[in-house]
Structure formats: C-alpha cells, structure tokens
Amino acid sequence: MRVHAADAIVLRTYRYGEADRIVVFLTEDRGKKRGVAKNATKSRRRFGGALEPFTRGRVSYVEREGRELVRLDRIEPLDSPMRAVTGRSDDEAALVLGHASYFAELLDEWAPDAMANERLFRLGASVGEALCRGGSIECLARYFEFWLLRLEGVYPALDRCPRCGQSLEAGAVLATGEWQLVCGRCGTGALKVSPEAMALLRRFVAATPGAVTDAGAEAGILRELEAVHARLITMHLEKDLRSARVVRELRPQL
C-alpha cells in the first residue's frame, strides 16, 4: 500500500453505489488515475465542490498493488471553474461550466492511464487559470484545442504547403480526409482557413492562455478554427464529443 499526494485535475466523476463516486483525475507525476471517493455525495469536509470537472487541487490517495482503482481520501481545491462564474449572468455561467466540461473531456480522451505527461497537465492547469480571468472563453477554447493537438503531434504544419512549399500566410484549406493544411492550388476542401485565422494560430504558438483570453478574436475567425479543430479531433478520436455539442447549444447565436 502506497500513499500519494499530487497536484491533479478532476476530469469526470460517476456514481458508484449509493454514496460513493468514481473520480477520474489527471496527476502531474503519475498520469491519469481512477479512484473511489467514499461517501463523496455526503462528505462536504473531504470533497465539497472539488469534484466539479476541470477543478485543480491537491489530491491524497492510496494505491494498492494489483488494484486498478485507488482510494481517494481528500481533494483540496486550488482552482475551480466555479470561481470563474462569479459575477456572471446565468447564461454566461452555463457557458463557462460547459467549456470546463469540454476541456476536461478532451484531457480524459487524450491522457493515457498511469503514464505521466507533464506537458499535458501543465496545459490543463494553465488553461484552468485563464478560464477564471474573464475575457474570451471561445478564444481560449481554440487555443486549448490547438495546443492539445500540437502536443500530441497531430496538428498540421502552419508555415508552408507540404505539397508545393508555398507559404500559408495567405490562407489554407484542410485537405479532405487528411491531416494537412495545404494551399488553395494544391487541395480542395470545405474547411478553409483565412489569412486572419492563420495569423491567430501563429499567435497561439507564442501566447500564454491568459494573453489569449484578454486579447480575444473576431467570432468569424473563431468559428473557422472551431470547424477545423472539430474535424481534426473527430478524425483522431473517431467519435464526436458530447460536451462539444453542449457548448454549441449553450453559445449565443451570432
């Protein structure tokens, strides 16, 4: 039996018996874990609101050899999406919490079990902090998608067309059924990326999540990237994410 304490991000929970919950969480040093939180529906002292998706906290858990589930003893919240809803209208708060669930589901899909991925954890932690700043949540979502795909090595190159070598500063097309962004002369596809959207992607390379939420971007540009990123994510995971559909339903119409 080993006792561990680690910084972690809560990804999801589900009921386990009458009062317990299974908690899926991403640790900085030991990867994704699943644990039983005893009496989680009743014990405000040990868990309180710390089981909300995308909450970051200090987790104490016990791991027994040969058992897949750990015993989750306590979570001390360090940052929570609940903090991000303070002062917002009901509709804005719902959109914030919807994005928090979306970010958590993406991390859950990408993070392997019991394998440390410090870069993935740091991305989640920094985006969680930026979520509480206010500003453009949709711009933050495109940034998160971009870096998640980039860290996993599946984001297309941004500089030049892989077929002819032409610069993509003037815009690009996501080649149909492929992972490549190509120039308009080399490929066809319904998903086009304007020069302005390409410029925003290049800005993401060097920007922090906080800077992205502060600066924002035009809605039309964000919709372009949303469509491209959704296609790339769906191609990789071979399924649509429920939380992504929820976010689209919560979002005010243009």
Protein backbone atom coordinates (compact mmCIF):
# COMPACT_ATOMS: atom_id res chain seq x y z
CA MET A 1 0.00 0.00 0.00
CA ARG A 2 1.38 3.38 -1.03
CA VAL A 3 0.09 6.81 -0.02
CA HIS A 4 0.44 9.55 -2.63
CA ALA A 5 -0.19 13.29 -2.70
CA ALA A 6 -0.15 15.12 -6.00
CA ASP A 7 -1.46 18.10 -7.91
CA ALA A 8 -4.30 16.84 -10.09
CA ILE A 9 -7.11 17.93 -12.41
CA VAL A 10 -10.54 16.31 -11.99
CA LEU A 11 -11.74 15.03 -15.36
CA ARG A 12 -15.07 13.36 -14.56
CA THR A 13 -16.99 11.51 -11.89
CA TYR A 14 -19.78 8.97 -11.84
CA ARG A 15 -21.88 7.27 -9.19
CA TYR A 16 -20.60 4.12 -7.52
CA GLY A 17 -23.17 2.65 -5.19
CA GLU A 18 -25.43 4.85 -3.09
CA ALA A 19 -22.97 7.35 -1.63
CA ASP A 20 -19.60 6.75 -3.35
CA ARG A 21 -18.27 8.15 -6.61
CA ILE A 22 -15.62 7.08 -9.07
CA VAL A 23 -13.33 10.03 -9.80
CA VAL A 24 -11.12 10.16 -12.90
CA PHE A 25 -8.26 12.60 -12.35
CA LEU A 26 -5.04 13.57 -14.11
CA THR A 27 -1.96 13.85 -11.90
CA GLU A 28 1.16 15.77 -12.77
CA ASP A 29 3.59 12.98 -11.88
CA ARG A 30 1.72 9.67 -12.38
CA GLY A 31 -0.73 10.29 -15.21
CA LYS A 32 -4.44 9.51 -15.23
CA LYS A 33 -5.93 7.66 -12.27
CA ARG A 34 -9.33 6.35 -11.25
CA GLY A 35 -10.29 6.32 -7.62
CA VAL A 36 -13.19 5.63 -5.28
CA ALA A 37 -14.28 8.63 -3.24
CA LYS A 38 -16.10 7.09 -0.29
CA ASN A 39 -19.26 8.92 0.81
CA ALA A 40 -18.49 11.67 -1.72
CA THR A 41 -22.14 12.60 -2.02
CA LYS A 42 -22.30 13.22 1.74
CA SER A 43 -18.82 14.33 2.87
CA ARG A 44 -18.54 18.07 2.31
CA ARG A 45 -15.46 18.20 4.53
CA ARG A 46 -13.27 15.97 2.37
CA PHE A 47 -14.58 16.80 -1.10
CA GLY A 48 -17.06 19.68 -1.06
CA GLY A 49 -17.22 21.20 -4.56
CA ALA A 50 -13.84 19.77 -5.55
CA LEU A 51 -15.35 17.11 -7.81
CA GLU A 52 -16.52 19.54 -10.49
CA PRO A 53 -14.91 18.80 -13.90
CA PHE A 54 -11.67 20.71 -14.53
CA THR A 55 -11.11 21.52 -10.85
CA ARG A 56 -7.41 21.51 -9.98
CA GLY A 57 -6.42 20.53 -6.47
CA ARG A 58 -4.08 18.69 -4.15
CA VAL A 59 -5.18 15.06 -4.14
CA SER A 60 -4.38 12.48 -1.47
CA TYR A 61 -4.92 8.86 -2.45
CA VAL A 62 -3.90 5.32 -1.53
CA GLU A 63 -2.77 2.86 -4.18
CA ARG A 64 -2.77 -0.90 -3.60
CA GLU A 65 -0.74 -3.25 -5.76
CA GLY A 66 -2.82 -5.19 -8.24
CA ARG A 67 -5.87 -2.93 -7.97
CA GLU A 68 -6.94 -0.62 -10.76
CA LEU A 69 -8.93 1.73 -8.52
CA VAL A 70 -7.14 3.81 -5.91
CA ARG A 71 -8.78 5.06 -2.70
CA LEU A 72 -9.28 8.80 -2.89
CA ASP A 73 -9.06 10.33 0.58
CA ARG A 74 -9.18 14.08 0.04
CA ILE A 75 -9.06 16.86 -2.56
CA GLU A 76 -8.00 20.35 -1.51
CA PRO A 77 -9.11 22.68 -4.36
CA LEU A 78 -6.52 25.10 -5.71
CA ASP A 79 -8.52 26.37 -8.68
CA SER A 80 -12.07 25.68 -9.80
CA PRO A 81 -14.34 26.67 -12.69
CA MET A 82 -16.88 27.59 -10.02
CA ARG A 83 -14.66 30.59 -9.27
CA ALA A 84 -14.96 31.63 -12.92
CA VAL A 85 -18.74 32.03 -12.75
CA THR A 86 -18.66 34.69 -10.02
CA GLY A 87 -20.33 37.88 -11.21
CA ARG A 88 -21.57 36.34 -14.47
CA SER A 89 -25.14 36.02 -15.68
CA ASP A 90 -26.78 32.59 -15.63
CA ASP A 91 -26.23 32.14 -19.38
CA GLU A 92 -22.58 33.18 -19.17
CA ALA A 93 -22.02 30.91 -16.16
CA ALA A 94 -23.53 27.95 -18.00
CA LEU A 95 -21.21 28.60 -20.95
CA VAL A 96 -18.16 28.74 -18.67
CA LEU A 97 -19.07 25.45 -16.96
CA GLY A 98 -19.85 23.89 -20.34
CA HIS A 99 -16.36 24.78 -21.56
CA ALA A 100 -14.82 23.43 -18.35
CA SER A 101 -16.52 20.07 -19.01
CA TYR A 102 -15.35 20.20 -22.63
CA PHE A 103 -11.73 20.82 -21.63
CA ALA A 104 -11.92 18.02 -19.06
CA GLU A 105 -13.38 15.58 -21.60
CA LEU A 106 -10.62 16.37 -24.09
CA LEU A 107 -7.95 15.73 -21.46
CA ASP A 108 -9.68 12.50 -20.48
CA GLU A 109 -9.71 11.29 -24.08
CA TRP A 110 -6.07 12.14 -24.71
CA ALA A 111 -4.40 11.24 -21.43
CA PRO A 112 -3.28 7.59 -21.17
CA ASP A 113 -3.80 5.69 -17.93
CA ALA A 114 -0.96 5.76 -15.39
CA MET A 115 1.53 7.44 -17.74
CA ALA A 116 2.87 10.84 -16.72
CA ASN A 117 2.52 13.62 -19.28
CA GLU A 118 3.71 16.81 -17.63
CA ARG A 119 3.14 18.97 -20.72
CA LEU A 120 -0.49 17.86 -20.95
CA PHE A 121 -1.01 18.52 -17.25
CA ARG A 122 0.59 21.97 -17.46
CA LEU A 123 -1.61 22.83 -20.44
CA GLY A 124 -4.72 21.90 -18.48
CA ALA A 125 -3.58 23.79 -15.37
CA SER A 126 -2.71 26.99 -17.28
CA VAL A 127 -5.97 26.96 -19.25
CA GLY A 128 -7.88 26.40 -16.00
CA GLU A 129 -6.27 29.52 -14.53
CA ALA A 130 -7.09 31.54 -17.65
CA LEU A 131 -10.72 30.40 -17.51
CA CYS A 132 -11.11 32.42 -14.31
CA ARG A 133 -9.75 35.64 -15.83
CA GLY A 134 -12.79 36.59 -17.85
CA GLY A 135 -12.30 37.61 -21.46
CA SER A 136 -12.88 35.42 -24.49
CA ILE A 137 -13.67 31.85 -23.47
CA GLU A 138 -14.13 30.82 -27.10
CA CYS A 139 -10.67 32.08 -27.98
CA LEU A 140 -9.32 30.12 -25.02
CA ALA A 141 -11.11 27.00 -26.33
CA ARG A 142 -9.46 27.32 -29.75
CA TYR A 143 -6.08 27.81 -28.03
CA PHE A 144 -6.62 24.70 -25.89
CA GLU A 145 -7.60 22.59 -28.92
CA PHE A 146 -4.61 23.87 -30.89
CA TRP A 147 -2.08 23.03 -28.19
CA LEU A 148 -3.66 19.70 -27.32
CA LEU A 149 -3.41 18.59 -30.95
CA ARG A 150 0.05 20.09 -31.29
CA LEU A 151 1.42 18.38 -28.16
CA GLU A 152 0.12 15.06 -29.41
CA GLY A 153 1.81 15.59 -32.77
CA VAL A 154 -1.31 15.70 -34.93
CA TYR A 155 -1.65 19.42 -35.72
CA PRO A 156 -0.80 20.27 -39.35
CA ALA A 157 2.19 22.46 -40.17
CA LEU A 158 1.38 26.18 -40.31
CA ASP A 159 4.25 27.61 -42.28
CA ARG A 160 4.24 26.11 -45.79
CA CYS A 161 2.13 23.90 -48.01
CA PRO A 162 3.52 20.36 -47.69
CA ARG A 163 2.89 19.73 -51.39
CA CYS A 164 4.37 22.74 -53.16
CA GLY A 165 6.21 24.64 -50.42
CA GLN A 166 4.20 27.85 -50.83
CA SER A 167 3.71 29.99 -47.72
CA LEU A 168 0.34 29.57 -46.00
CA GLU A 169 0.18 33.17 -44.77
CA ALA A 170 -2.42 33.89 -47.47
CA GLY A 171 -4.70 31.15 -46.14
CA ALA A 172 -5.09 27.41 -46.37
CA VAL A 173 -7.52 24.53 -46.79
CA LEU A 174 -7.80 21.43 -44.61
CA ALA A 175 -7.37 18.75 -47.26
CA THR A 176 -10.40 16.47 -47.40
CA GLY A 177 -9.85 13.32 -45.32
CA GLU A 178 -6.29 14.34 -44.43
CA TRP A 179 -4.31 15.90 -41.58
CA GLN A 180 -2.69 18.54 -43.80
CA LEU A 181 -3.27 22.24 -44.32
CA VAL A 182 -2.48 22.94 -47.96
CA CYS A 183 -2.64 25.99 -50.19
CA GLY A 184 -5.71 26.56 -52.35
CA ARG A 185 -3.90 25.45 -55.51
CA CYS A 186 -2.89 22.06 -54.09
CA GLY A 187 -6.05 20.87 -52.45
CA THR A 188 -9.79 21.20 -52.11
CA GLY A 189 -11.99 21.02 -49.08
CA ALA A 190 -14.94 22.67 -47.42
CA LEU A 191 -12.91 23.84 -44.43
CA LYS A 192 -10.94 26.92 -45.34
CA VAL A 193 -8.60 28.83 -43.02
CA SER A 194 -8.43 32.55 -43.80
CA PRO A 195 -5.23 34.63 -43.56
CA GLU A 196 -6.62 36.13 -40.33
CA ALA A 197 -7.22 32.68 -38.85
CA MET A 198 -3.71 31.58 -39.86
CA ALA A 199 -2.33 34.67 -38.11
CA LEU A 200 -4.25 33.80 -34.95
CA LEU A 201 -2.85 30.26 -34.99
CA ARG A 202 0.69 31.64 -35.28
CA ARG A 203 -0.08 33.92 -32.35
CA PHE A 204 -1.14 30.89 -30.31
CA VAL A 205 2.35 29.42 -30.72
CA ALA A 206 3.95 32.08 -28.51
CA ALA A 207 0.99 33.35 -26.44
CA THR A 208 0.00 32.37 -22.92
CA PRO A 209 -3.59 31.31 -22.20
CA GLY A 210 -4.15 34.47 -20.17
CA ALA A 211 -2.98 36.68 -23.03
CA VAL A 212 -5.32 34.84 -25.39
CA THR A 213 -8.40 35.39 -23.22
CA ASP A 214 -7.50 39.06 -22.77
CA ALA A 215 -6.95 39.73 -26.48
CA GLY A 216 -9.84 37.71 -27.89
CA ALA A 217 -10.58 37.41 -31.61
CA GLU A 218 -13.39 38.01 -34.07
CA ALA A 219 -16.23 35.49 -33.87
CA GLY A 220 -15.97 34.58 -37.55
CA ILE A 221 -12.30 33.65 -37.20
CA LEU A 222 -13.02 31.54 -34.12
CA ARG A 223 -15.80 29.69 -35.98
CA GLU A 224 -13.38 28.84 -38.80
CA LEU A 225 -10.91 27.33 -36.37
CA GLU A 226 -13.65 25.60 -34.41
CA ALA A 227 -14.72 23.73 -37.54
CA VAL A 228 -11.16 22.74 -38.46
CA HIS A 229 -10.30 21.64 -34.93
CA ALA A 230 -13.55 19.68 -34.61
CA ARG A 231 -12.69 17.78 -37.79
CA LEU A 232 -9.16 17.02 -36.58
CA ILE A 233 -10.40 15.89 -33.16
CA THR A 234 -13.11 13.70 -34.67
CA MET A 235 -10.64 12.13 -37.09
CA HIS A 236 -8.28 11.33 -34.23
CA LEU A 237 -10.83 10.05 -31.70
CA GLU A 238 -13.19 8.56 -34.30
CA LYS A 239 -16.18 10.00 -32.47
CA ASP A 240 -17.88 13.26 -31.56
CA LEU A 241 -17.64 14.64 -28.04
CA ARG A 242 -20.88 15.13 -26.15
CA SER A 243 -19.52 18.16 -24.30
CA ALA A 244 -18.69 19.88 -27.60
CA ARG A 245 -22.32 19.62 -28.68
CA VAL A 246 -23.44 21.00 -25.30
CA VAL A 247 -21.13 24.02 -25.67
CA ARG A 248 -22.51 24.78 -29.13
CA GLU A 249 -26.07 24.61 -27.78
CA LEU A 250 -25.23 26.95 -24.88
CA ARG A 251 -23.46 29.53 -27.04
CA PRO A 252 -25.39 32.67 -28.05
CA GLN A 253 -26.23 32.70 -31.73
CA LEU A 254 -24.39 35.20 -33.94
